[in-house]
Protein backbone atom coordinates (compact mmCIF):
# COMPACT_ATOMS: atom_id res chain seq x y z
CA MET A 1 118.10 83.25 97.60
CA LYS A 2 119.01 84.91 100.94
CA LEU A 3 115.58 83.99 102.32
CA GLU A 4 116.09 80.34 101.47
CA PHE A 5 119.53 80.53 103.10
CA LEU A 6 117.88 81.77 106.35
CA LYS A 7 115.26 79.04 106.20
CA SER A 8 118.01 76.38 106.15
CA PHE A 9 118.82 77.20 109.77
CA ARG A 10 115.37 76.57 111.27
CA ASP A 11 116.57 73.19 112.53
CA SER A 12 118.82 75.11 114.89
CA PHE A 13 115.85 76.88 116.57
CA ASP A 14 115.16 75.24 119.97
CA GLU A 15 113.35 78.15 121.63
CA TYR A 16 111.30 80.87 119.90
CA THR A 17 113.87 82.40 117.49
CA GLU A 18 114.03 85.23 115.01
CA LEU A 19 116.86 85.29 112.34
CA ARG A 20 117.30 88.48 110.37
CA LEU A 21 119.64 89.14 107.45
CA GLN A 22 119.82 92.83 106.60
CA GLU A 23 121.73 95.25 104.42
CA ASN A 24 121.43 99.02 104.41
CA ASN A 25 122.86 101.00 101.49
CA GLN A 26 123.08 104.78 101.88
CA VAL A 27 124.23 107.60 99.59
CA SER A 28 124.71 111.17 100.86
CA LEU A 29 125.60 114.02 98.51
CA VAL A 30 125.71 117.73 99.48
CA LEU A 31 126.35 120.64 97.07
CA VAL A 32 126.87 124.06 98.67
CA ASN A 33 127.07 127.03 96.36
CA GLY A 34 128.14 124.74 93.56
CA SER A 35 130.86 122.92 95.46
CA LEU A 36 130.53 119.28 96.39
CA VAL A 37 131.17 119.09 100.16
CA ARG A 38 129.92 115.58 100.80
CA ASN A 39 130.08 112.45 98.65
CA ILE A 40 129.55 109.34 100.79
CA ARG A 41 128.29 105.87 100.11
CA THR A 42 128.02 103.31 102.92
CA THR A 43 126.97 99.69 103.03
CA LYS A 44 126.29 97.92 106.31
CA GLY A 45 125.03 94.40 106.54
CA GLY A 46 125.01 91.24 108.58
CA ILE A 47 122.83 88.82 110.50
CA SER A 48 121.23 88.89 113.92
CA ALA A 49 119.33 86.44 116.03
CA ARG A 50 116.91 86.84 118.94
CA VAL A 51 115.82 83.96 121.21
CA TYR A 52 112.96 84.26 123.73
CA ARG A 53 112.84 82.50 127.07
CA ASN A 54 110.21 83.11 129.84
CA GLY A 55 109.83 86.80 129.20
CA VAL A 56 113.32 87.85 128.10
CA PHE A 57 115.04 88.08 124.71
CA GLY A 58 118.65 87.23 124.08
CA PHE A 59 120.24 89.04 121.15
CA ALA A 60 123.40 88.60 119.09
CA SER A 61 124.69 89.69 115.73
CA THR A 62 127.56 89.28 113.34
CA PRO A 63 128.59 90.76 109.93
CA LEU A 64 129.76 87.29 108.83
CA LEU A 65 127.41 85.19 106.77
CA ASP A 66 129.09 81.73 106.54
CA GLU A 67 127.24 78.78 108.02
CA LYS A 68 129.47 78.51 111.14
CA SER A 69 128.98 82.19 111.96
CA VAL A 70 125.18 82.04 111.57
CA LYS A 71 124.90 78.98 113.77
CA GLY A 72 127.19 80.74 116.26
CA VAL A 73 125.06 83.88 116.42
CA ILE A 74 121.90 81.74 117.09
CA SER A 75 123.78 79.89 119.79
CA LYS A 76 125.00 83.11 121.35
CA ALA A 77 121.48 84.66 121.32
CA LYS A 78 120.18 81.55 123.07
CA GLU A 79 122.94 81.75 125.69
CA ASN A 80 122.14 85.42 126.30
CA ALA A 81 118.45 84.58 126.70
CA TYR A 82 119.19 81.92 129.30
CA THR A 83 121.53 84.20 131.18
CA LEU A 84 119.06 87.06 131.26
CA ASN A 85 116.28 84.66 132.34
CA ASP A 86 118.34 83.53 135.30
CA ILE A 87 118.95 87.14 136.29
CA GLU A 88 115.53 88.70 135.72
CA LYS A 89 113.27 85.70 136.39
CA LYS A 90 110.27 87.34 134.67
CA ALA A 91 108.48 84.01 134.16
CA LYS A 92 106.11 85.37 131.50
CA GLY A 93 103.96 83.31 129.19
CA SER A 94 104.32 82.40 125.58
CA LEU A 95 104.26 84.93 122.78
CA PHE A 96 101.53 85.64 120.29
CA GLU A 97 102.02 83.12 117.53
CA GLU A 98 101.46 83.54 113.76
CA GLY A 99 103.23 82.36 110.70
CA PHE A 100 103.02 83.60 107.12
CA GLU A 101 105.23 84.47 104.06
CA ILE A 102 105.43 87.83 102.49
CA ILE A 103 107.60 89.50 99.83
CA LYS A 104 107.53 93.28 99.19
CA ASP A 105 110.12 94.77 96.88
CA PHE A 106 110.02 98.47 96.02
CA SER A 107 113.24 98.47 93.99
CA THR A 108 113.18 100.56 90.86
CA LYS A 109 112.57 98.83 87.55
CA LYS A 110 114.56 101.53 85.72
CA PRO A 111 118.26 101.38 84.84
CA ARG A 112 120.34 102.55 87.81
CA VAL A 113 122.23 105.83 87.56
CA THR A 114 125.77 106.47 88.85
CA ARG A 115 126.74 108.80 91.62
CA LYS A 116 128.34 110.98 88.97
CA GLU A 117 124.90 111.41 87.36
CA MET A 118 123.35 112.27 90.74
CA ILE A 119 125.94 114.94 91.29
CA GLU A 120 125.30 116.35 87.78
CA TYR A 121 121.64 116.50 88.70
CA LEU A 122 122.41 118.58 91.77
CA GLN A 123 124.70 120.81 89.68
CA ALA A 124 121.86 121.45 87.26
CA LEU A 125 119.70 122.62 90.12
CA HIS A 126 122.46 124.94 91.38
CA SER A 127 123.00 126.41 87.90
CA TYR A 128 119.30 127.27 87.54
CA THR A 129 119.17 128.82 91.01
CA GLN A 130 122.45 130.78 90.56
CA GLU A 131 121.28 132.21 87.21
CA ARG A 132 117.78 133.07 88.36
CA TYR A 133 118.42 134.18 91.91
CA PRO A 134 121.97 135.64 92.23
CA ASP A 135 120.91 137.66 95.33
CA LEU A 136 120.85 134.53 97.45
CA VAL A 137 123.86 134.25 99.85
CA SER A 138 123.68 130.44 99.94
CA LYS A 139 122.19 127.61 97.91
CA THR A 140 122.41 124.09 99.26
CA PHE A 141 121.11 120.94 97.61
CA SER A 142 121.49 117.61 99.31
CA LEU A 143 120.52 114.16 98.20
CA ASN A 144 120.15 111.33 100.70
CA SER A 145 119.06 107.81 99.74
CA LEU A 146 118.58 104.78 101.95
CA ASP A 147 117.76 101.27 100.72
CA MET A 148 116.76 98.87 103.57
CA GLU A 149 116.78 95.27 102.49
CA LYS A 150 115.63 92.70 105.08
CA ASN A 151 115.23 88.91 105.13
CA LEU A 152 113.54 87.39 108.24
CA VAL A 153 112.53 83.89 109.38
CA THR A 154 111.04 82.96 112.75
CA SER A 155 110.32 79.73 114.53
CA PHE A 156 106.58 80.51 114.25
CA GLY A 157 106.83 79.97 110.50
CA THR A 158 107.07 83.55 109.25
CA SER A 159 109.37 84.25 106.37
CA ALA A 160 109.64 87.72 104.93
CA TYR A 161 111.66 89.65 102.33
CA THR A 162 111.29 93.43 102.12
CA MET A 163 113.18 96.10 100.23
CA ILE A 164 112.00 99.57 101.26
CA PRO A 165 113.96 102.39 99.60
CA ARG A 166 113.76 106.15 100.26
CA CYS A 167 115.37 109.07 98.49
CA ASN A 168 115.05 112.71 99.46
CA LEU A 169 116.25 115.96 97.99
CA SER A 170 116.62 118.94 100.28
CA ILE A 171 116.53 122.52 99.06
CA ILE A 172 118.00 125.11 101.47
CA LEU A 173 118.07 128.74 100.30
CA SER A 174 119.50 131.62 102.34
CA TYR A 175 118.97 135.35 101.86
CA GLU A 176 120.48 138.29 103.71
CA LYS A 177 118.68 141.50 104.73
CA ASP A 178 119.94 144.20 107.08
CA GLY A 179 122.76 141.95 108.27
CA GLU A 180 120.48 139.04 109.16
CA ILE A 181 120.48 135.67 107.33
CA TYR A 182 117.06 134.09 106.58
CA GLU A 183 116.69 130.54 105.53
CA ILE A 184 114.02 128.22 104.18
CA TYR A 185 114.27 124.45 103.90
CA GLU A 186 112.12 122.25 101.64
CA PRO A 187 112.33 118.45 101.22
CA VAL A 188 111.26 116.65 98.02
CA GLY A 189 111.03 112.91 97.41
CA GLY A 190 110.04 109.94 99.48
CA LEU A 191 109.36 106.26 98.88
CA GLY A 192 111.41 104.94 95.98
CA GLN A 193 114.88 105.14 94.50
CA PHE A 194 116.48 108.12 92.75
CA GLU A 195 115.49 106.84 89.30
CA ASP A 196 111.78 106.74 90.27
CA LEU A 197 111.74 110.25 91.82
CA PHE A 198 114.27 112.52 90.12
CA ASP A 199 114.42 111.97 86.39
CA GLU A 200 114.63 115.56 85.09
CA PRO A 201 116.03 118.62 86.99
CA GLU A 202 113.48 120.87 85.27
CA LYS A 203 110.70 119.28 87.29
CA ILE A 204 112.29 120.75 90.47
CA TYR A 205 112.61 124.33 89.20
CA LYS A 206 109.07 125.30 90.28
CA LYS A 207 109.83 124.07 93.82
CA ILE A 208 113.03 126.16 93.86
CA ASP A 209 110.97 129.23 92.80
CA GLU A 210 108.51 128.54 95.71
CA VAL A 211 111.33 128.27 98.23
CA TYR A 212 112.87 131.51 97.00
CA LYS A 213 109.54 133.34 97.30
CA LYS A 214 109.18 132.03 100.92
CA VAL A 215 112.66 133.14 101.94
CA ARG A 216 112.21 136.65 100.49
CA GLU A 217 108.84 136.97 102.29
CA LYS A 218 110.40 135.79 105.50
CA ALA A 219 113.19 138.43 105.22
CA GLU A 220 110.45 141.13 104.85
CA GLY A 221 108.39 139.57 107.60
CA VAL A 222 107.70 140.37 111.24
CA TYR A 223 108.17 138.60 114.58
CA PRO A 224 104.92 137.19 115.96
CA VAL A 225 103.51 138.59 119.22
CA ALA A 226 104.35 136.30 122.13
CA GLY A 227 101.33 134.76 123.81
CA TYR A 228 98.52 132.17 123.61
CA HIS A 229 97.03 132.44 120.17
CA ASP A 230 94.59 130.89 117.77
CA VAL A 231 96.69 129.15 115.16
CA ILE A 232 96.48 126.79 112.24
CA LEU A 233 99.18 124.12 112.16
CA ASP A 234 99.86 123.15 108.56
CA SER A 235 99.95 119.39 107.82
CA ARG A 236 103.71 119.07 108.07
CA LEU A 237 103.89 120.68 111.49
CA ALA A 238 100.78 118.85 112.77
CA GLY A 239 102.37 115.60 111.66
CA ILE A 240 105.63 116.24 113.46
CA LEU A 241 103.76 117.23 116.64
CA ALA A 242 101.62 114.09 116.40
CA HIS A 243 104.77 111.99 116.11
CA GLU A 244 106.97 113.66 118.73
CA ALA A 245 104.50 114.78 121.38
CA ILE A 246 101.77 112.16 121.16
CA GLY A 247 103.24 109.17 119.27
CA HIS A 248 106.22 108.60 121.56
CA THR A 249 104.09 108.74 124.65
CA THR A 250 101.92 105.89 123.35
CA GLU A 251 104.71 103.51 122.38
CA ALA A 252 104.29 100.55 124.80
CA ASP A 253 107.88 100.65 126.09
CA MET A 254 107.49 104.35 126.94
CA VAL A 255 104.12 103.69 128.58
CA LYS A 256 105.72 100.87 130.63
CA SER A 257 108.43 103.26 131.78
CA GLY A 258 105.86 105.82 132.96
CA SER A 259 104.84 108.14 130.11
CA ILE A 260 101.70 110.29 130.64
CA ALA A 261 99.66 108.02 128.40
CA LYS A 262 99.84 105.27 131.07
CA ASP A 263 97.16 107.06 133.05
CA TYR A 264 94.89 108.08 130.16
CA LEU A 265 93.86 104.83 128.42
CA ASN A 266 90.13 104.96 127.49
CA GLU A 267 89.95 108.60 128.62
CA GLN A 268 89.43 111.81 126.65
CA VAL A 269 92.77 113.34 125.71
CA ALA A 270 91.67 115.42 122.68
CA SER A 271 88.74 117.13 121.03
CA GLU A 272 86.11 114.63 119.83
CA ILE A 273 86.91 115.51 116.23
CA VAL A 274 90.54 114.21 116.63
CA THR A 275 91.42 110.68 115.55
CA LEU A 276 95.14 109.75 115.45
CA VAL A 277 96.42 106.63 113.67
CA ASP A 278 99.77 104.95 113.19
CA PHE A 279 99.40 103.43 109.71
CA ALA A 280 101.27 100.31 108.78
CA TYR A 281 101.51 100.62 104.97
CA GLU A 282 98.44 102.08 103.37
CA PHE A 283 96.02 105.04 103.71
CA GLU A 284 92.82 105.09 101.62
CA GLY A 285 94.30 102.79 98.99
CA SER A 286 97.64 104.59 98.66
CA ILE A 287 101.01 103.32 99.92
CA CYS A 288 102.30 105.28 102.91
CA PRO A 289 105.70 106.94 102.88
CA VAL A 290 107.28 104.17 104.96
CA PRO A 291 105.31 101.02 104.27
CA ILE A 292 105.78 98.33 106.91
CA PHE A 293 104.02 95.07 105.94
CA VAL A 294 105.88 92.98 108.48
CA ASP A 295 107.94 94.11 111.42
CA ASP A 296 111.32 92.85 112.55
CA GLU A 297 109.77 90.30 114.92
CA GLY A 298 107.84 88.72 112.09
CA THR A 299 104.44 90.19 113.03
CA ARG A 300 102.02 91.11 110.33
CA ALA A 301 101.76 94.93 110.58
CA GLU A 302 98.38 96.50 111.26
CA ASN A 303 97.12 100.02 111.74
CA VAL A 304 96.94 101.28 115.30
CA VAL A 305 94.11 103.69 116.14
CA ILE A 306 95.79 105.52 119.01
CA ILE A 307 93.13 108.19 119.57
CA LYS A 308 89.56 107.63 118.37
CA ASP A 309 87.10 110.58 118.51
CA GLY A 310 89.28 112.12 121.22
CA ILE A 311 89.59 108.98 123.34
CA LEU A 312 92.95 107.28 123.89
CA LYS A 313 92.26 103.76 122.74
CA ARG A 314 95.49 101.81 122.20
CA TYR A 315 99.25 101.68 122.44
CA MET A 316 101.75 100.66 119.80
CA ASN A 317 103.50 97.50 120.89
CA ASN A 318 105.66 94.46 120.08
CA LYS A 319 105.41 90.80 121.06
CA GLU A 320 106.69 91.37 124.58
CA PHE A 321 104.59 94.42 125.52
CA ALA A 322 101.46 92.94 123.92
CA ASN A 323 101.67 90.32 126.69
CA ASP A 324 102.05 92.99 129.31
CA PHE A 325 99.05 95.00 128.18
CA GLY A 326 96.78 92.09 127.29
CA ASP A 327 96.79 93.05 123.59
CA ARG A 328 98.09 91.48 120.43
CA PRO A 329 101.30 92.69 118.70
CA THR A 330 100.68 95.55 116.28
CA GLY A 331 103.77 95.21 114.05
CA ASN A 332 105.62 98.19 115.46
CA ALA A 333 108.94 96.40 116.33
CA ARG A 334 111.59 97.95 114.05
CA ALA A 335 115.38 97.91 113.87
CA PHE A 336 117.58 100.20 111.78
CA GLN A 337 120.79 98.16 111.39
CA PHE A 338 121.30 94.40 111.38
CA SER A 339 123.18 94.89 114.71
CA ASP A 340 120.21 96.71 116.33
CA GLU A 341 117.58 94.98 118.42
CA PRO A 342 113.95 95.80 117.34
CA LEU A 343 112.31 98.51 119.43
CA VAL A 344 108.72 99.74 119.51
CA ARG A 345 108.68 102.41 116.78
CA MET A 346 106.19 104.41 114.81
CA ARG A 347 105.67 103.94 111.12
CA ASN A 348 103.35 106.53 109.52
CA THR A 349 101.64 108.60 112.18
CA ALA A 350 98.91 111.12 111.33
CA ILE A 351 95.68 112.77 112.49
CA LEU A 352 92.87 111.80 110.16
CA PRO A 353 91.37 114.51 107.86
CA GLY A 354 88.26 116.36 109.00
CA LYS A 355 85.50 118.14 107.16
CA ASP A 356 86.77 121.68 106.98
CA LYS A 357 88.31 123.67 104.13
CA LEU A 358 91.65 125.33 104.82
CA GLU A 359 90.34 128.69 103.56
CA ASP A 360 87.38 128.50 105.97
CA MET A 361 89.78 127.71 108.84
CA ILE A 362 91.83 130.84 107.99
CA SER A 363 88.74 133.01 107.65
CA SER A 364 87.53 131.89 111.12
CA ILE A 365 90.53 133.52 112.84
CA GLU A 366 90.47 137.25 113.54
CA ASN A 367 93.99 137.54 114.91
CA GLY A 368 96.35 134.55 114.85
CA TYR A 369 98.94 132.68 112.87
CA TYR A 370 99.28 130.06 110.15
CA LEU A 371 102.31 127.98 111.09
CA ILE A 372 103.86 125.83 108.40
CA ASP A 373 107.19 124.23 109.23
CA THR A 374 109.74 123.43 111.94
CA ASN A 375 113.44 122.90 111.92
CA ASN A 376 113.89 121.29 115.30
CA GLY A 377 112.03 120.47 118.50
CA GLN A 378 111.70 118.22 121.42
CA ALA A 379 109.03 116.51 123.57
CA ASP A 380 109.08 114.47 126.69
CA SER A 381 107.14 111.65 128.30
CA THR A 382 104.62 114.12 129.70
CA SER A 383 103.79 115.27 126.08
CA GLU A 384 105.24 118.68 126.84
CA PHE A 385 106.87 120.02 123.71
CA MET A 386 108.83 122.97 122.25
CA PHE A 387 109.45 123.43 118.53
CA GLY A 388 111.23 126.00 116.43
CA ILE A 389 109.09 127.56 113.70
CA ILE A 390 110.85 128.57 110.54
CA SER A 391 107.95 129.29 108.23
CA GLY A 392 104.50 130.84 108.80
CA TYR A 393 102.20 133.87 108.27
CA GLU A 394 100.06 136.24 110.26
CA ILE A 395 96.30 135.86 110.04
CA LYS A 396 94.49 139.22 110.25
CA ASP A 397 90.70 139.58 109.94
CA GLY A 398 90.46 136.10 108.39
CA LYS A 399 93.17 136.58 105.79
CA LEU A 400 96.84 135.68 105.44
CA GLY A 401 99.09 138.61 106.21
CA ARG A 402 102.83 139.04 106.47
CA ALA A 403 105.32 136.21 106.76
CA ILE A 404 106.73 135.71 110.23
CA LYS A 405 110.35 135.32 111.24
CA ASP A 406 111.77 132.39 113.27
CA THR A 407 109.95 131.76 116.54
CA THR A 408 109.00 128.88 118.84
CA ILE A 409 105.78 127.13 119.94
CA SER A 410 105.34 125.22 123.19
CA GLY A 411 102.71 123.43 125.29
CA VAL A 412 101.47 120.12 126.50
CA ALA A 413 100.20 118.08 123.57
CA PHE A 414 97.29 116.36 125.39
CA ASP A 415 96.08 119.82 126.46
CA MET A 416 96.64 121.36 123.06
CA LEU A 417 94.60 118.59 121.31
CA LYS A 418 91.62 119.47 123.44
CA THR A 419 91.56 122.98 121.90
CA VAL A 420 91.23 121.63 118.33
CA THR A 421 88.06 123.01 116.73
CA MET A 422 88.60 122.54 112.98
CA ILE A 423 90.49 119.98 110.85
CA SER A 424 91.00 120.33 107.08
CA ASP A 425 89.61 117.74 104.69
CA ASP A 426 92.90 116.92 102.97
CA MET A 427 95.87 114.72 103.78
CA HIS A 428 99.52 115.54 103.14
CA TRP A 429 102.44 113.20 103.99
CA SER A 430 105.93 114.27 104.96
CA ASN A 431 108.29 111.50 103.97
CA SER A 432 111.75 112.74 104.90
CA GLY A 433 111.60 112.16 108.66
CA MET A 434 114.08 110.18 110.67
CA CYS A 435 113.20 109.30 114.21
CA GLY A 436 116.08 109.15 116.68
CA LYS A 437 114.76 107.04 119.56
CA LYS A 438 117.93 105.18 120.56
CA GLN A 439 118.60 104.33 116.86
CA MET A 440 117.73 106.33 113.79
CA ILE A 441 114.95 104.97 111.57
CA PRO A 442 112.79 106.32 108.68
CA VAL A 443 109.24 107.34 109.62
CA GLY A 444 106.34 108.91 107.79
CA MET A 445 104.37 111.84 109.33
CA GLY A 446 101.44 113.73 108.00
CA GLY A 447 97.85 114.74 108.27
CA PRO A 448 95.56 117.64 107.59
CA ALA A 449 95.85 121.22 108.84
CA VAL A 450 94.57 121.69 112.40
CA LYS A 451 93.08 124.77 114.09
CA CYS A 452 93.94 124.97 117.81
CA LYS A 453 95.36 127.27 120.50
CA ILE A 454 99.08 127.32 121.25
CA ASN A 455 101.80 129.32 123.03
CA ILE A 456 104.03 131.30 120.65
CA GLY A 457 107.35 132.55 121.86
CA GLY A 458 107.57 135.73 119.82
CA LYS A 459 110.99 137.27 119.17
């Protein structure tokens, strides 16, 4: 219905035009020590238009959906394109052209639950944790869901409807020892709505037990020794590093503005066993955490092999930057809200699995660390990074030892990747990530475990 509504405005397209109708529905619930401290539901929707002229895009948006307002936003986007063209005078050629129709709806087929039932679900998790682990100083359970519904038509003939939902439960347990508070965080969930992912609280109890065990081990743990060490980055940490320290440097707009990847195309930037891919929607026959079948410019999404056998092969791009780099668009143009202009963004970024077993990787290290998770971090356009580590273990004589307390890791990602000597043969996805490049947006990250050398900050 909404898609047909958009199609009715194609007669108003004089230049290349994109018309997007979008609605985001979000629910955020937080239960701390049994008390509900957040109970929010938001709905934001509206329509936007982009018009292209000689190398520049004009953009406009409105929350109003009547015919007059829609025609007005198309007209305003065209006016903006002409104004920018007069100022910038880029005089670029035409855009890559393709037209198709696609519908992808991941809405639940189950009866919808109320927010009251969601809260009761969280309360059941709290009751179990309180009864079983009364020594915890804090127990937090948060539930965050986001349904992104988009309708898009373009003057190239593309029409698309997508409904991509995501729902995540976060378990945060805190334990006190000798006046210090230790905390472990664990996300559960991913692609789908609440009804598809969280039917019975009992199914989460085992995960709560695992988090409790980790936080107690951490409280009894030791600080790592500062220095340059052999380490194994678990899949979740390897995925975040791939996203933050490598992925962002190879987004075409970042390359254009001078990221380090600008100088390394077709050169070795990693060990020859490293292949890094930004997946559109599928990996080995399974749907990725954030499946993007068509981007917000109406481009059919495709996988981007960023690094192949250690060689930097390609950038992620949109229609505009594909022209600049003599490539075709990859389907990486994404917008979070209806009022946001699409930017070059990652989708599901991961190093490909290797041939090694995790236990063999651990046994190959005489003195090092197995690093599992991070709570924060940053990287810049040189691929230099620093991340906080909240979970990990010593490796002594090829065996896991004591848990480690909070520390940091740092380095230059393109240097670190050259030290990779082993990659595990399994793949794990993290599906709770939100990327904050100018506008927040859901992303998938993942991969295998990776053995490399890295700087550890110690205490």
